[in-house]
Amino acid sequence: MGMNKNTVLGWATLIMIIMGLILIALGAFRYDETAGWGFASTGVGFLANAWVFSSLKGRL
């Protein structure tokens, strides 16, 4: 099974989306104090990076 650049970017996008949603959920449901804002903002950053990786698919 050969993985080309688009396959690697697809897997990276999927993993980053999952991690972003987990971090947002941790910030929303697990931590009610100030730490929750940090988890949620990091999750939003993960989703932004996943969006960039997704848009790079097919262009590299």
PDB file of N, CA and C in Angstrom:
ATOM      1  N   MET A   1       0.846  -1.175   0.000  1.00  0.00           N
ATOM      2  CA  MET A   1       0.000   0.000   0.000  1.00  0.00           C
ATOM      3  C   MET A   1       0.892   1.238   0.000  1.00  0.00           C
ATOM      4  N   GLY A   2       0.955   1.892  -1.123  1.00  0.00           N
ATOM      5  CA  GLY A   2       1.746   3.110  -1.210  1.00  0.00           C
ATOM      6  C   GLY A   2       0.918   4.326  -0.843  1.00  0.00           C
ATOM      7  N   MET A   3       1.494   5.150  -0.024  1.00  0.00           N
ATOM      8  CA  MET A   3       0.791   6.363   0.374  1.00  0.00           C
ATOM      9  C   MET A   3       1.437   7.548  -0.327  1.00  0.00           C
ATOM     10  N   ASN A   4       0.654   8.244  -1.122  1.00  0.00           N
ATOM     11  CA  ASN A   4       1.173   9.446  -1.770  1.00  0.00           C
ATOM     12  C   ASN A   4       0.888  10.670  -0.889  1.00  0.00           C
ATOM     13  N   LYS A   5       1.212  11.840  -1.404  1.00  0.00           N
ATOM     14  CA  LYS A   5       1.063  13.065  -0.606  1.00  0.00           C
ATOM     15  C   LYS A   5      -0.388  13.345  -0.244  1.00  0.00           C
ATOM     16  N   ASN A   6      -1.295  13.075  -1.169  1.00  0.00           N
ATOM     17  CA  ASN A   6      -2.703  13.351  -0.887  1.00  0.00           C
ATOM     18  C   ASN A   6      -3.263  12.427   0.180  1.00  0.00           C
ATOM     19  N   THR A   7      -2.820  11.179   0.192  1.00  0.00           N
ATOM     20  CA  THR A   7      -3.274  10.246   1.222  1.00  0.00           C
ATOM     21  C   THR A   7      -2.766  10.670   2.594  1.00  0.00           C
ATOM     22  N   VAL A   8      -1.511  11.088   2.654  1.00  0.00           N
ATOM     23  CA  VAL A   8      -0.948  11.549   3.929  1.00  0.00           C
ATOM     24  C   VAL A   8      -1.688  12.784   4.417  1.00  0.00           C
ATOM     25  N   LEU A   9      -1.973  13.723   3.528  1.00  0.00           N
ATOM     26  CA  LEU A   9      -2.713  14.919   3.931  1.00  0.00           C
ATOM     27  C   LEU A   9      -4.134  14.573   4.359  1.00  0.00           C
ATOM     28  N   GLY A  10      -4.741  13.591   3.714  1.00  0.00           N
ATOM     29  CA  GLY A  10      -6.083  13.166   4.110  1.00  0.00           C
ATOM     30  C   GLY A  10      -6.107  12.575   5.504  1.00  0.00           C
ATOM     31  N   TRP A  11      -5.136  11.715   5.812  1.00  0.00           N
ATOM     32  CA  TRP A  11      -5.065  11.131   7.151  1.00  0.00           C
ATOM     33  C   TRP A  11      -4.743  12.201   8.191  1.00  0.00           C
ATOM     34  N   ALA A  12      -3.841  13.117   7.863  1.00  0.00           N
ATOM     35  CA  ALA A  12      -3.502  14.193   8.805  1.00  0.00           C
ATOM     36  C   ALA A  12      -4.722  15.069   9.071  1.00  0.00           C
ATOM     37  N   THR A  13      -5.506  15.345   8.036  1.00  0.00           N
ATOM     38  CA  THR A  13      -6.719  16.141   8.203  1.00  0.00           C
ATOM     39  C   THR A  13      -7.707  15.431   9.117  1.00  0.00           C
ATOM     40  N   LEU A  14      -7.920  14.149   8.896  1.00  0.00           N
ATOM     41  CA  LEU A  14      -8.858  13.389   9.711  1.00  0.00           C
ATOM     42  C   LEU A  14      -8.418  13.352  11.176  1.00  0.00           C
ATOM     43  N   ILE A  15      -7.147  13.089  11.417  1.00  0.00           N
ATOM     44  CA  ILE A  15      -6.641  13.034  12.790  1.00  0.00           C
ATOM     45  C   ILE A  15      -6.768  14.396  13.469  1.00  0.00           C
ATOM     46  N   MET A  16      -6.472  15.469  12.736  1.00  0.00           N
ATOM     47  CA  MET A  16      -6.559  16.802  13.344  1.00  0.00           C
ATOM     48  C   MET A  16      -7.999  17.204  13.621  1.00  0.00           C
ATOM     49  N   ILE A  17      -8.940  16.795  12.781  1.00  0.00           N
ATOM     50  CA  ILE A  17     -10.357  17.080  13.047  1.00  0.00           C
ATOM     51  C   ILE A  17     -10.808  16.355  14.306  1.00  0.00           C
ATOM     52  N   ILE A  18     -10.427  15.083  14.432  1.00  0.00           N
ATOM     53  CA  ILE A  18     -10.813  14.312  15.616  1.00  0.00           C
ATOM     54  C   ILE A  18     -10.214  14.937  16.877  1.00  0.00           C
ATOM     55  N   MET A  19      -8.936  15.270  16.832  1.00  0.00           N
ATOM     56  CA  MET A  19      -8.298  15.866  18.005  1.00  0.00           C
ATOM     57  C   MET A  19      -8.895  17.233  18.333  1.00  0.00           C
ATOM     58  N   GLY A  20      -9.199  18.031  17.317  1.00  0.00           N
ATOM     59  CA  GLY A  20      -9.813  19.338  17.554  1.00  0.00           C
ATOM     60  C   GLY A  20     -11.163  19.220  18.237  1.00  0.00           C
ATOM     61  N   LEU A  21     -11.981  18.265  17.777  1.00  0.00           N
ATOM     62  CA  LEU A  21     -13.289  18.077  18.398  1.00  0.00           C
ATOM     63  C   LEU A  21     -13.163  17.548  19.827  1.00  0.00           C
ATOM     64  N   ILE A  22     -12.181  16.669  20.059  1.00  0.00           N
ATOM     65  CA  ILE A  22     -11.959  16.173  21.424  1.00  0.00           C
ATOM     66  C   ILE A  22     -11.538  17.312  22.345  1.00  0.00           C
ATOM     67  N   LEU A  23     -10.643  18.176  21.880  1.00  0.00           N
ATOM     68  CA  LEU A  23     -10.191  19.287  22.723  1.00  0.00           C
ATOM     69  C   LEU A  23     -11.316  20.281  23.005  1.00  0.00           C
ATOM     70  N   ILE A  24     -12.144  20.551  22.006  1.00  0.00           N
ATOM     71  CA  ILE A  24     -13.283  21.445  22.222  1.00  0.00           C
ATOM     72  C   ILE A  24     -14.259  20.825  23.217  1.00  0.00           C
ATOM     73  N   ALA A  25     -14.495  19.517  23.098  1.00  0.00           N
ATOM     74  CA  ALA A  25     -15.394  18.837  24.036  1.00  0.00           C
ATOM     75  C   ALA A  25     -14.813  18.854  25.451  1.00  0.00           C
ATOM     76  N   LEU A  26     -13.497  18.668  25.588  1.00  0.00           N
ATOM     77  CA  LEU A  26     -12.884  18.749  26.911  1.00  0.00           C
ATOM     78  C   LEU A  26     -13.065  20.140  27.508  1.00  0.00           C
ATOM     79  N   GLY A  27     -12.862  21.155  26.685  1.00  0.00           N
ATOM     80  CA  GLY A  27     -13.026  22.516  27.181  1.00  0.00           C
ATOM     81  C   GLY A  27     -14.453  22.839  27.556  1.00  0.00           C
ATOM     82  N   ALA A  28     -15.410  22.255  26.834  1.00  0.00           N
ATOM     83  CA  ALA A  28     -16.813  22.580  27.092  1.00  0.00           C
ATOM     84  C   ALA A  28     -17.402  21.770  28.236  1.00  0.00           C
ATOM     85  N   PHE A  29     -17.029  20.503  28.342  1.00  0.00           N
ATOM     86  CA  PHE A  29     -17.722  19.628  29.286  1.00  0.00           C
ATOM     87  C   PHE A  29     -16.893  19.216  30.495  1.00  0.00           C
ATOM     88  N   ARG A  30     -15.580  19.183  30.375  1.00  0.00           N
ATOM     89  CA  ARG A  30     -14.762  18.667  31.477  1.00  0.00           C
ATOM     90  C   ARG A  30     -14.251  19.785  32.377  1.00  0.00           C
ATOM     91  N   TYR A  31     -13.743  20.839  31.781  1.00  0.00           N
ATOM     92  CA  TYR A  31     -13.131  21.918  32.562  1.00  0.00           C
ATOM     93  C   TYR A  31     -14.007  23.154  32.499  1.00  0.00           C
ATOM     94  N   ASP A  32     -14.555  23.539  33.634  1.00  0.00           N
ATOM     95  CA  ASP A  32     -15.461  24.693  33.682  1.00  0.00           C
ATOM     96  C   ASP A  32     -14.731  25.990  33.997  1.00  0.00           C
ATOM     97  N   GLU A  33     -13.499  25.897  34.488  1.00  0.00           N
ATOM     98  CA  GLU A  33     -12.775  27.110  34.861  1.00  0.00           C
ATOM     99  C   GLU A  33     -11.994  27.644  33.657  1.00  0.00           C
ATOM    100  N   THR A  34     -11.000  28.430  33.906  1.00  0.00           N
ATOM    101  CA  THR A  34     -10.244  29.105  32.851  1.00  0.00           C
ATOM    102  C   THR A  34      -9.536  28.126  31.932  1.00  0.00           C
ATOM    103  N   ALA A  35      -9.144  26.966  32.424  1.00  0.00           N
ATOM    104  CA  ALA A  35      -8.439  25.989  31.589  1.00  0.00           C
ATOM    105  C   ALA A  35      -9.305  25.525  30.420  1.00  0.00           C
ATOM    106  N   GLY A  36     -10.605  25.538  30.596  1.00  0.00           N
ATOM    107  CA  GLY A  36     -11.508  25.133  29.515  1.00  0.00           C
ATOM    108  C   GLY A  36     -11.387  26.013  28.290  1.00  0.00           C
ATOM    109  N   TRP A  37     -11.166  27.315  28.520  1.00  0.00           N
ATOM    110  CA  TRP A  37     -10.987  28.233  27.387  1.00  0.00           C
ATOM    111  C   TRP A  37      -9.725  27.886  26.606  1.00  0.00           C
ATOM    112  N   GLY A  38      -8.678  27.479  27.300  1.00  0.00           N
ATOM    113  CA  GLY A  38      -7.440  27.090  26.621  1.00  0.00           C
ATOM    114  C   GLY A  38      -7.624  25.838  25.785  1.00  0.00           C
ATOM    115  N   PHE A  39      -8.310  24.841  26.350  1.00  0.00           N
ATOM    116  CA  PHE A  39      -8.571  23.622  25.592  1.00  0.00           C
ATOM    117  C   PHE A  39      -9.417  23.920  24.356  1.00  0.00           C
ATOM    118  N   ALA A  40     -10.456  24.731  24.531  1.00  0.00           N
ATOM    119  CA  ALA A  40     -11.343  25.031  23.416  1.00  0.00           C
ATOM    120  C   ALA A  40     -10.631  25.831  22.332  1.00  0.00           C
ATOM    121  N   SER A  41      -9.814  26.797  22.708  1.00  0.00           N
ATOM    122  CA  SER A  41      -9.115  27.586  21.691  1.00  0.00           C
ATOM    123  C   SER A  41      -8.055  26.755  20.972  1.00  0.00           C
ATOM    124  N   THR A  42      -7.420  25.825  21.683  1.00  0.00           N
ATOM    125  CA  THR A  42      -6.480  24.925  21.018  1.00  0.00           C
ATOM    126  C   THR A  42      -7.217  24.012  20.045  1.00  0.00           C
ATOM    127  N   GLY A  43      -8.405  23.565  20.413  1.00  0.00           N
ATOM    128  CA  GLY A  43      -9.216  22.746  19.513  1.00  0.00           C
ATOM    129  C   GLY A  43      -9.609  23.500  18.249  1.00  0.00           C
ATOM    130  N   VAL A  44      -9.936  24.778  18.400  1.00  0.00           N
ATOM    131  CA  VAL A  44     -10.260  25.599  17.227  1.00  0.00           C
ATOM    132  C   VAL A  44      -9.023  25.745  16.339  1.00  0.00           C
ATOM    133  N   GLY A  45      -7.847  25.873  16.949  1.00  0.00           N
ATOM    134  CA  GLY A  45      -6.608  25.928  16.169  1.00  0.00           C
ATOM    135  C   GLY A  45      -6.359  24.644  15.403  1.00  0.00           C
ATOM    136  N   PHE A  46      -6.645  23.504  16.028  1.00  0.00           N
ATOM    137  CA  PHE A  46      -6.509  22.223  15.330  1.00  0.00           C
ATOM    138  C   PHE A  46      -7.442  22.159  14.133  1.00  0.00           C
ATOM    139  N   LEU A  47      -8.681  22.636  14.301  1.00  0.00           N
ATOM    140  CA  LEU A  47      -9.624  22.624  13.181  1.00  0.00           C
ATOM    141  C   LEU A  47      -9.165  23.561  12.060  1.00  0.00           C
ATOM    142  N   ALA A  48      -8.567  24.689  12.418  1.00  0.00           N
ATOM    143  CA  ALA A  48      -8.052  25.605  11.394  1.00  0.00           C
ATOM    144  C   ALA A  48      -6.908  24.963  10.619  1.00  0.00           C
ATOM    145  N   ASN A  49      -6.016  24.259  11.325  1.00  0.00           N
ATOM    146  CA  ASN A  49      -4.928  23.561  10.625  1.00  0.00           C
ATOM    147  C   ASN A  49      -5.463  22.439   9.752  1.00  0.00           C
ATOM    148  N   ALA A  50      -6.495  21.740  10.207  1.00  0.00           N
ATOM    149  CA  ALA A  50      -7.098  20.683   9.392  1.00  0.00           C
ATOM    150  C   ALA A  50      -7.712  21.269   8.131  1.00  0.00           C
ATOM    151  N   TRP A  51      -8.288  22.461   8.241  1.00  0.00           N
ATOM    152  CA  TRP A  51      -8.860  23.119   7.072  1.00  0.00           C
ATOM    153  C   TRP A  51      -7.764  23.440   6.051  1.00  0.00           C
ATOM    154  N   VAL A  52      -6.619  23.896   6.529  1.00  0.00           N
ATOM    155  CA  VAL A  52      -5.493  24.184   5.643  1.00  0.00           C
ATOM    156  C   VAL A  52      -4.989  22.905   4.970  1.00  0.00           C
ATOM    157  N   PHE A  53      -4.844  21.835   5.755  1.00  0.00           N
ATOM    158  CA  PHE A  53      -4.389  20.567   5.174  1.00  0.00           C
ATOM    159  C   PHE A  53      -5.374  20.072   4.127  1.00  0.00           C
ATOM    160  N   SER A  54      -6.666  20.215   4.415  1.00  0.00           N
ATOM    161  CA  SER A  54      -7.680  19.772   3.468  1.00  0.00           C
ATOM    162  C   SER A  54      -7.615  20.575   2.175  1.00  0.00           C
ATOM    163  N   SER A  55      -7.358  21.869   2.279  1.00  0.00           N
ATOM    164  CA  SER A  55      -7.292  22.687   1.065  1.00  0.00           C
ATOM    165  C   SER A  55      -6.015  22.432   0.280  1.00  0.00           C
ATOM    166  N   LEU A  56      -4.984  21.894   0.918  1.00  0.00           N
ATOM    167  CA  LEU A  56      -3.740  21.593   0.207  1.00  0.00           C
ATOM    168  C   LEU A  56      -3.813  20.292  -0.584  1.00  0.00           C
ATOM    169  N   LYS A  57      -4.787  19.429  -0.256  1.00  0.00           N
ATOM    170  CA  LYS A  57      -4.909  18.164  -0.970  1.00  0.00           C
ATOM    171  C   LYS A  57      -5.112  18.422  -2.451  1.00  0.00           C
ATOM    172  N   GLY A  58      -4.334  17.782  -3.280  1.00  0.00           N
ATOM    173  CA  GLY A  58      -4.437  17.936  -4.721  1.00  0.00           C
ATOM    174  C   GLY A  58      -3.606  19.076  -5.290  1.00  0.00           C
ATOM    175  N   ARG A  59      -3.073  19.925  -4.441  1.00  0.00           N
ATOM    176  CA  ARG A  59      -2.291  21.061  -4.925  1.00  0.00           C
ATOM    177  C   ARG A  59      -0.806  20.839  -4.802  1.00  0.00           C
ATOM    178  N   LEU A  60      -0.404  19.900  -3.965  1.00  0.00           N
ATOM    179  CA  LEU A  60       1.036  19.645  -3.779  1.00  0.00           C
ATOM    180  C   LEU A  60       1.511  18.567  -4.706  1.00  0.00           C
TER     181      LEU A  60
END
